[in-house]
PDB file of N, CA and C in Angstrom:
ATOM      1  N   MET A   1       0.822  -1.196   0.000  1.00  0.00           N
ATOM      2  CA  MET A   1       0.000   0.000   0.000  1.00  0.00           C
ATOM      3  C   MET A   1       0.865   1.259   0.000  1.00  0.00           C
ATOM      4  N   ALA A   2       2.026   1.160   0.674  1.00  0.00           N
ATOM      5  CA  ALA A   2       2.923   2.316   0.725  1.00  0.00           C
ATOM      6  C   ALA A   2       3.422   2.697  -0.662  1.00  0.00           C
ATOM      7  N   LEU A   3       3.617   1.693  -1.521  1.00  0.00           N
ATOM      8  CA  LEU A   3       4.081   1.977  -2.882  1.00  0.00           C
ATOM      9  C   LEU A   3       3.013   2.732  -3.673  1.00  0.00           C
ATOM     10  N   VAL A   4       1.760   2.422  -3.442  1.00  0.00           N
ATOM     11  CA  VAL A   4       0.661   3.128  -4.101  1.00  0.00           C
ATOM     12  C   VAL A   4       0.603   4.569  -3.615  1.00  0.00           C
ATOM     13  N   LEU A   5       0.713   4.766  -2.311  1.00  0.00           N
ATOM     14  CA  LEU A   5       0.690   6.124  -1.766  1.00  0.00           C
ATOM     15  C   LEU A   5       1.880   6.941  -2.256  1.00  0.00           C
ATOM     16  N   THR A   6       3.029   6.320  -2.359  1.00  0.00           N
ATOM     17  CA  THR A   6       4.207   7.009  -2.893  1.00  0.00           C
ATOM     18  C   THR A   6       3.997   7.386  -4.354  1.00  0.00           C
ATOM     19  N   SER A   7       3.383   6.492  -5.118  1.00  0.00           N
ATOM     20  CA  SER A   7       3.113   6.780  -6.531  1.00  0.00           C
ATOM     21  C   SER A   7       2.153   7.948  -6.685  1.00  0.00           C
ATOM     22  N   ILE A   8       1.165   8.006  -5.831  1.00  0.00           N
ATOM     23  CA  ILE A   8       0.225   9.129  -5.882  1.00  0.00           C
ATOM     24  C   ILE A   8       0.916  10.421  -5.459  1.00  0.00           C
ATOM     25  N   ASP A   9       1.805  10.328  -4.486  1.00  0.00           N
ATOM     26  CA  ASP A   9       2.544  11.507  -4.024  1.00  0.00           C
ATOM     27  C   ASP A   9       3.498  12.035  -5.100  1.00  0.00           C
ATOM     28  N   GLU A  10       3.908  11.173  -6.026  1.00  0.00           N
ATOM     29  CA  GLU A  10       4.809  11.573  -7.110  1.00  0.00           C
ATOM     30  C   GLU A  10       4.188  12.611  -8.036  1.00  0.00           C
ATOM     31  N   PHE A  11       2.876  12.755  -8.011  1.00  0.00           N
ATOM     32  CA  PHE A  11       2.214  13.738  -8.868  1.00  0.00           C
ATOM     33  C   PHE A  11       2.595  15.168  -8.485  1.00  0.00           C
ATOM     34  N   ARG A  12       3.129  15.343  -7.282  1.00  0.00           N
ATOM     35  CA  ARG A  12       3.547  16.682  -6.853  1.00  0.00           C
ATOM     36  C   ARG A  12       4.950  17.030  -7.339  1.00  0.00           C
ATOM     37  N   ARG A  13       5.713  16.046  -7.772  1.00  0.00           N
ATOM     38  CA  ARG A  13       7.072  16.300  -8.253  1.00  0.00           C
ATOM     39  C   ARG A  13       7.034  16.998  -9.608  1.00  0.00           C
ATOM     40  N   PRO A  14       8.029  17.828  -9.873  1.00  0.00           N
ATOM     41  CA  PRO A  14       8.111  18.440 -11.213  1.00  0.00           C
ATOM     42  C   PRO A  14       8.326  17.347 -12.274  1.00  0.00           C
ATOM     43  N   LEU A  15       7.694  17.514 -13.424  1.00  0.00           N
ATOM     44  CA  LEU A  15       7.757  16.480 -14.452  1.00  0.00           C
ATOM     45  C   LEU A  15       9.159  16.266 -15.013  1.00  0.00           C
ATOM     46  N   GLU A  16      10.027  17.247 -14.907  1.00  0.00           N
ATOM     47  CA  GLU A  16      11.383  17.037 -15.418  1.00  0.00           C
ATOM     48  C   GLU A  16      12.171  16.058 -14.549  1.00  0.00           C
ATOM     49  N   LYS A  17      11.682  15.777 -13.344  1.00  0.00           N
ATOM     50  CA  LYS A  17      12.357  14.833 -12.456  1.00  0.00           C
ATOM     51  C   LYS A  17      11.696  13.455 -12.431  1.00  0.00           C
ATOM     52  N   VAL A  18      10.651  13.282 -13.222  1.00  0.00           N
ATOM     53  CA  VAL A  18       9.941  12.002 -13.258  1.00  0.00           C
ATOM     54  C   VAL A  18      10.492  11.171 -14.411  1.00  0.00           C
ATOM     55  N   SER A  19      10.837   9.922 -14.118  1.00  0.00           N
ATOM     56  CA  SER A  19      11.360   9.013 -15.135  1.00  0.00           C
ATOM     57  C   SER A  19      10.220   8.246 -15.805  1.00  0.00           C
ATOM     58  N   PRO A  20      10.033   8.430 -17.116  1.00  0.00           N
ATOM     59  CA  PRO A  20       8.991   7.667 -17.812  1.00  0.00           C
ATOM     60  C   PRO A  20       9.258   6.161 -17.770  1.00  0.00           C
ATOM     61  N   THR A  21      10.512   5.774 -17.802  1.00  0.00           N
ATOM     62  CA  THR A  21      10.860   4.351 -17.766  1.00  0.00           C
ATOM     63  C   THR A  21      10.451   3.723 -16.441  1.00  0.00           C
ATOM     64  N   GLN A  22      10.751   4.385 -15.353  1.00  0.00           N
ATOM     65  CA  GLN A  22      10.389   3.867 -14.043  1.00  0.00           C
ATOM     66  C   GLN A  22       8.869   3.808 -13.881  1.00  0.00           C
ATOM     67  N   SER A  23       8.183   4.828 -14.333  1.00  0.00           N
ATOM     68  CA  SER A  23       6.727   4.848 -14.224  1.00  0.00           C
ATOM     69  C   SER A  23       6.094   3.737 -15.056  1.00  0.00           C
ATOM     70  N   ALA A  24       6.607   3.517 -16.258  1.00  0.00           N
ATOM     71  CA  ALA A  24       6.075   2.454 -17.118  1.00  0.00           C
ATOM     72  C   ALA A  24       6.330   1.078 -16.507  1.00  0.00           C
ATOM     73  N   THR A  25       7.496   0.901 -15.919  1.00  0.00           N
ATOM     74  CA  THR A  25       7.823  -0.375 -15.293  1.00  0.00           C
ATOM     75  C   THR A  25       6.921  -0.660 -14.107  1.00  0.00           C
ATOM     76  N   LEU A  26       6.696   0.334 -13.269  1.00  0.00           N
ATOM     77  CA  LEU A  26       5.803   0.149 -12.124  1.00  0.00           C
ATOM     78  C   LEU A  26       4.361  -0.085 -12.562  1.00  0.00           C
ATOM     79  N   ALA A  27       3.936   0.579 -13.637  1.00  0.00           N
ATOM     80  CA  ALA A  27       2.580   0.368 -14.151  1.00  0.00           C
ATOM     81  C   ALA A  27       2.426  -1.070 -14.655  1.00  0.00           C
ATOM     82  N   ALA A  28       3.393  -1.540 -15.416  1.00  0.00           N
ATOM     83  CA  ALA A  28       3.336  -2.910 -15.935  1.00  0.00           C
ATOM     84  C   ALA A  28       3.363  -3.928 -14.799  1.00  0.00           C
ATOM     85  N   THR A  29       4.216  -3.697 -13.803  1.00  0.00           N
ATOM     86  CA  THR A  29       4.293  -4.600 -12.659  1.00  0.00           C
ATOM     87  C   THR A  29       2.959  -4.671 -11.927  1.00  0.00           C
ATOM     88  N   GLY A  30       2.347  -3.519 -11.678  1.00  0.00           N
ATOM     89  CA  GLY A  30       1.070  -3.492 -10.992  1.00  0.00           C
ATOM     90  C   GLY A  30      -0.018  -4.228 -11.747  1.00  0.00           C
ATOM     91  N   LEU A  31      -0.069  -4.043 -13.067  1.00  0.00           N
ATOM     92  CA  LEU A  31      -1.112  -4.697 -13.853  1.00  0.00           C
ATOM     93  C   LEU A  31      -0.867  -6.197 -13.999  1.00  0.00           C
ATOM     94  N   ILE A  32       0.384  -6.607 -14.112  1.00  0.00           N
ATOM     95  CA  ILE A  32       0.703  -8.034 -14.185  1.00  0.00           C
ATOM     96  C   ILE A  32       0.319  -8.735 -12.882  1.00  0.00           C
ATOM     97  N   TRP A  33       0.664  -8.137 -11.754  1.00  0.00           N
ATOM     98  CA  TRP A  33       0.333  -8.733 -10.469  1.00  0.00           C
ATOM     99  C   TRP A  33      -1.164  -8.690 -10.195  1.00  0.00           C
ATOM    100  N   THR A  34      -1.869  -7.711 -10.739  1.00  0.00           N
ATOM    101  CA  THR A  34      -3.325  -7.692 -10.608  1.00  0.00           C
ATOM    102  C   THR A  34      -3.916  -8.937 -11.259  1.00  0.00           C
ATOM    103  N   ARG A  35      -3.453  -9.228 -12.435  1.00  0.00           N
ATOM    104  CA  ARG A  35      -3.932 -10.429 -13.146  1.00  0.00           C
ATOM    105  C   ARG A  35      -3.611 -11.686 -12.344  1.00  0.00           C
ATOM    106  N   TYR A  36      -2.405 -11.763 -11.812  1.00  0.00           N
ATOM    107  CA  TYR A  36      -2.015 -12.938 -11.039  1.00  0.00           C
ATOM    108  C   TYR A  36      -2.883 -13.093  -9.790  1.00  0.00           C
ATOM    109  N   CYS A  37      -3.191 -12.002  -9.118  1.00  0.00           N
ATOM    110  CA  CYS A  37      -4.015 -12.061  -7.905  1.00  0.00           C
ATOM    111  C   CYS A  37      -5.424 -12.561  -8.189  1.00  0.00           C
ATOM    112  N   LEU A  38      -5.903 -12.366  -9.404  1.00  0.00           N
ATOM    113  CA  LEU A  38      -7.239 -12.808  -9.763  1.00  0.00           C
ATOM    114  C   LEU A  38      -7.258 -14.239 -10.292  1.00  0.00           C
ATOM    115  N   VAL A  39      -6.087 -14.812 -10.574  1.00  0.00           N
ATOM    116  CA  VAL A  39      -6.007 -16.162 -11.108  1.00  0.00           C
ATOM    117  C   VAL A  39      -5.790 -17.191  -9.993  1.00  0.00           C
ATOM    118  N   ILE A  40      -5.007 -16.836  -8.979  1.00  0.00           N
ATOM    119  CA  ILE A  40      -4.700 -17.783  -7.913  1.00  0.00           C
ATOM    120  C   ILE A  40      -5.947 -18.080  -7.077  1.00  0.00           C
ATOM    121  N   LYS A  41      -5.922 -19.216  -6.436  1.00  0.00           N
ATOM    122  CA  LYS A  41      -7.017 -19.604  -5.538  1.00  0.00           C
ATOM    123  C   LYS A  41      -6.479 -19.659  -4.125  1.00  0.00           C
ATOM    124  N   PRO A  42      -7.082 -19.066  -3.159  1.00  0.00           N
ATOM    125  CA  PRO A  42      -8.263 -18.220  -3.213  1.00  0.00           C
ATOM    126  C   PRO A  42      -7.904 -16.845  -3.794  1.00  0.00           C
ATOM    127  N   ILE A  43      -8.861 -16.242  -4.443  1.00  0.00           N
ATOM    128  CA  ILE A  43      -8.659 -14.933  -5.059  1.00  0.00           C
ATOM    129  C   ILE A  43      -8.448 -13.892  -3.969  1.00  0.00           C
ATOM    130  N   ASN A  44      -7.416 -13.097  -4.144  1.00  0.00           N
ATOM    131  CA  ASN A  44      -7.077 -12.071  -3.158  1.00  0.00           C
ATOM    132  C   ASN A  44      -7.487 -10.708  -3.731  1.00  0.00           C
ATOM    133  N   TYR A  45      -8.704 -10.290  -3.421  1.00  0.00           N
ATOM    134  CA  TYR A  45      -9.236  -9.050  -3.975  1.00  0.00           C
ATOM    135  C   TYR A  45      -8.536  -7.808  -3.423  1.00  0.00           C
ATOM    136  N   ALA A  46      -8.150  -7.849  -2.157  1.00  0.00           N
ATOM    137  CA  ALA A  46      -7.476  -6.688  -1.567  1.00  0.00           C
ATOM    138  C   ALA A  46      -6.131  -6.442  -2.235  1.00  0.00           C
ATOM    139  N   LEU A  47      -5.368  -7.496  -2.444  1.00  0.00           N
ATOM    140  CA  LEU A  47      -4.072  -7.356  -3.092  1.00  0.00           C
ATOM    141  C   LEU A  47      -4.223  -6.967  -4.564  1.00  0.00           C
ATOM    142  N   SER A  48      -5.247  -7.504  -5.216  1.00  0.00           N
ATOM    143  CA  SER A  48      -5.447  -7.139  -6.616  1.00  0.00           C
ATOM    144  C   SER A  48      -5.846  -5.667  -6.741  1.00  0.00           C
ATOM    145  N   LEU A  49      -6.642  -5.158  -5.806  1.00  0.00           N
ATOM    146  CA  LEU A  49      -7.010  -3.743  -5.831  1.00  0.00           C
ATOM    147  C   LEU A  49      -5.789  -2.857  -5.598  1.00  0.00           C
ATOM    148  N   CYS A  50      -4.931  -3.261  -4.695  1.00  0.00           N
ATOM    149  CA  CYS A  50      -3.706  -2.508  -4.414  1.00  0.00           C
ATOM    150  C   CYS A  50      -2.802  -2.475  -5.655  1.00  0.00           C
ATOM    151  N   ASN A  51      -2.627  -3.622  -6.304  1.00  0.00           N
ATOM    152  CA  ASN A  51      -1.789  -3.680  -7.500  1.00  0.00           C
ATOM    153  C   ASN A  51      -2.416  -2.929  -8.667  1.00  0.00           C
ATOM    154  N   PHE A  52      -3.734  -2.994  -8.788  1.00  0.00           N
ATOM    155  CA  PHE A  52      -4.414  -2.246  -9.842  1.00  0.00           C
ATOM    156  C   PHE A  52      -4.225  -0.742  -9.636  1.00  0.00           C
ATOM    157  N   SER A  53      -4.337  -0.301  -8.391  1.00  0.00           N
ATOM    158  CA  SER A  53      -4.119   1.117  -8.072  1.00  0.00           C
ATOM    159  C   SER A  53      -2.697   1.541  -8.421  1.00  0.00           C
ATOM    160  N   LEU A  54      -1.734   0.679  -8.132  1.00  0.00           N
ATOM    161  CA  LEU A  54      -0.341   0.954  -8.491  1.00  0.00           C
ATOM    162  C   LEU A  54      -0.194   1.084 -10.001  1.00  0.00           C
ATOM    163  N   GLY A  55      -0.822   0.181 -10.746  1.00  0.00           N
ATOM    164  CA  GLY A  55      -0.733   0.218 -12.206  1.00  0.00           C
ATOM    165  C   GLY A  55      -1.369   1.462 -12.800  1.00  0.00           C
ATOM    166  N   VAL A  56      -2.523   1.841 -12.296  1.00  0.00           N
ATOM    167  CA  VAL A  56      -3.225   3.018 -12.828  1.00  0.00           C
ATOM    168  C   VAL A  56      -2.481   4.303 -12.477  1.00  0.00           C
ATOM    169  N   ALA A  57      -2.057   4.433 -11.218  1.00  0.00           N
ATOM    170  CA  ALA A  57      -1.351   5.648 -10.799  1.00  0.00           C
ATOM    171  C   ALA A  57      -0.070   5.852 -11.603  1.00  0.00           C
ATOM    172  N   ASN A  58       0.690   4.788 -11.799  1.00  0.00           N
ATOM    173  CA  ASN A  58       1.931   4.921 -12.552  1.00  0.00           C
ATOM    174  C   ASN A  58       1.696   4.988 -14.051  1.00  0.00           C
ATOM    175  N   GLY A  59       0.591   4.437 -14.531  1.00  0.00           N
ATOM    176  CA  GLY A  59       0.248   4.593 -15.941  1.00  0.00           C
ATOM    177  C   GLY A  59      -0.052   6.043 -16.281  1.00  0.00           C
ATOM    178  N   VAL A  60      -0.813   6.688 -15.418  1.00  0.00           N
ATOM    179  CA  VAL A  60      -1.109   8.109 -15.613  1.00  0.00           C
ATOM    180  C   VAL A  60       0.169   8.937 -15.498  1.00  0.00           C
ATOM    181  N   GLN A  61       1.001   8.608 -14.524  1.00  0.00           N
ATOM    182  CA  GLN A  61       2.259   9.334 -14.348  1.00  0.00           C
ATOM    183  C   GLN A  61       3.175   9.129 -15.557  1.00  0.00           C
ATOM    184  N   PHE A  62       3.181   7.917 -16.114  1.00  0.00           N
ATOM    185  CA  PHE A  62       3.979   7.650 -17.308  1.00  0.00           C
ATOM    186  C   PHE A  62       3.511   8.516 -18.473  1.00  0.00           C
ATOM    187  N   LEU A  63       2.201   8.594 -18.678  1.00  0.00           N
ATOM    188  CA  LEU A  63       1.684   9.401 -19.784  1.00  0.00           C
ATOM    189  C   LEU A  63       2.043  10.872 -19.619  1.00  0.00           C
ATOM    190  N   ARG A  64       1.934  11.373 -18.402  1.00  0.00           N
ATOM    191  CA  ARG A  64       2.300  12.768 -18.129  1.00  0.00           C
ATOM    192  C   ARG A  64       3.783  13.002 -18.410  1.00  0.00           C
ATOM    193  N   ALA A  65       4.628  12.110 -17.890  1.00  0.00           N
ATOM    194  CA  ALA A  65       6.075  12.272 -18.057  1.00  0.00           C
ATOM    195  C   ALA A  65       6.483  12.083 -19.514  1.00  0.00           C
ATOM    196  N   TYR A  66       5.871  11.121 -20.187  1.00  0.00           N
ATOM    197  CA  TYR A  66       6.213  10.871 -21.590  1.00  0.00           C
ATOM    198  C   TYR A  66       5.887  12.085 -22.454  1.00  0.00           C
ATOM    199  N   ARG A  67       4.704  12.650 -22.242  1.00  0.00           N
ATOM    200  CA  ARG A  67       4.327  13.857 -22.997  1.00  0.00           C
ATOM    201  C   ARG A  67       5.286  15.003 -22.725  1.00  0.00           C
ATOM    202  N   TYR A  68       5.623  15.191 -21.463  1.00  0.00           N
ATOM    203  CA  TYR A  68       6.527  16.282 -21.106  1.00  0.00           C
ATOM    204  C   TYR A  68       7.898  16.077 -21.746  1.00  0.00           C
ATOM    205  N   HIS A  69       8.458  14.871 -21.609  1.00  0.00           N
ATOM    206  CA  HIS A  69       9.793  14.620 -22.145  1.00  0.00           C
ATOM    207  C   HIS A  69       9.814  14.594 -23.672  1.00  0.00           C
ATOM    208  N   SER A  70       8.724  14.169 -24.292  1.00  0.00           N
ATOM    209  CA  SER A  70       8.708  14.169 -25.765  1.00  0.00           C
ATOM    210  C   SER A  70       8.620  15.594 -26.295  1.00  0.00           C
ATOM    211  N   LEU A  71       7.939  16.480 -25.590  1.00  0.00           N
ATOM    212  CA  LEU A  71       7.906  17.886 -26.007  1.00  0.00           C
ATOM    213  C   LEU A  71       9.253  18.549 -25.800  1.00  0.00           C
ATOM    214  N   LYS A  72       9.990  18.113 -24.787  1.00  0.00           N
ATOM    215  CA  LYS A  72      11.313  18.675 -24.524  1.00  0.00           C
ATOM    216  C   LYS A  72      12.381  18.054 -25.416  1.00  0.00           C
ATOM    217  N   GLY A  73      12.053  16.907 -26.080  1.00  0.00           N
ATOM    218  CA  GLY A  73      13.002  16.276 -26.982  1.00  0.00           C
ATOM    219  C   GLY A  73      13.893  15.236 -26.326  1.00  0.00           C
ATOM    220  N   GLY A  74      13.607  14.843 -25.118  1.00  0.00           N
ATOM    221  CA  GLY A  74      14.467  13.876 -24.435  1.00  0.00           C
ATOM    222  C   GLY A  74      13.674  12.748 -23.810  1.00  0.00           C
ATOM    223  N   VAL A  75      12.969  11.982 -24.622  1.00  0.00           N
ATOM    224  CA  VAL A  75      12.147  10.896 -24.096  1.00  0.00           C
ATOM    225  C   VAL A  75      13.044   9.857 -23.443  1.00  0.00           C
ATOM    226  N   GLY A  76      12.708   9.501 -22.209  1.00  0.00           N
ATOM    227  CA  GLY A  76      13.452   8.472 -21.496  1.00  0.00           C
ATOM    228  C   GLY A  76      14.652   8.987 -20.745  1.00  0.00           C
ATOM    229  N   LYS A  77      15.011  10.231 -20.923  1.00  0.00           N
ATOM    230  CA  LYS A  77      16.157  10.788 -20.221  1.00  0.00           C
ATOM    231  C   LYS A  77      15.680  11.484 -18.962  1.00  0.00           C
ATOM    232  N   ASN A  78      16.280  11.132 -17.873  1.00  0.00           N
ATOM    233  CA  ASN A  78      15.919  11.761 -16.605  1.00  0.00           C
ATOM    234  C   ASN A  78      16.900  12.891 -16.343  1.00  0.00           C
ATOM    235  N   VAL A  79      16.424  14.112 -16.427  1.00  0.00           N
ATOM    236  CA  VAL A  79      17.282  15.292 -16.288  1.00  0.00           C
ATOM    237  C   VAL A  79      17.596  15.543 -14.844  1.00  0.00           C
TER     238      VAL A  79
END
């Protein structure tokens, strides 16, 4: 849960300090683990919700950072 709260808190950071690569990796990890939590028996809904929140928060952060860095001409570079 702390990772989700940290991801949400990252929205206050300036976009030039946000890494699109890190955000994309955390988003993919959250969504992959969400799927896994729904496949195992017994289904762990609390953990899947936490991982889904991680995936969505970092997916949005990735889109914000990607747009910012692509306009600046340095996609993937953390200044």
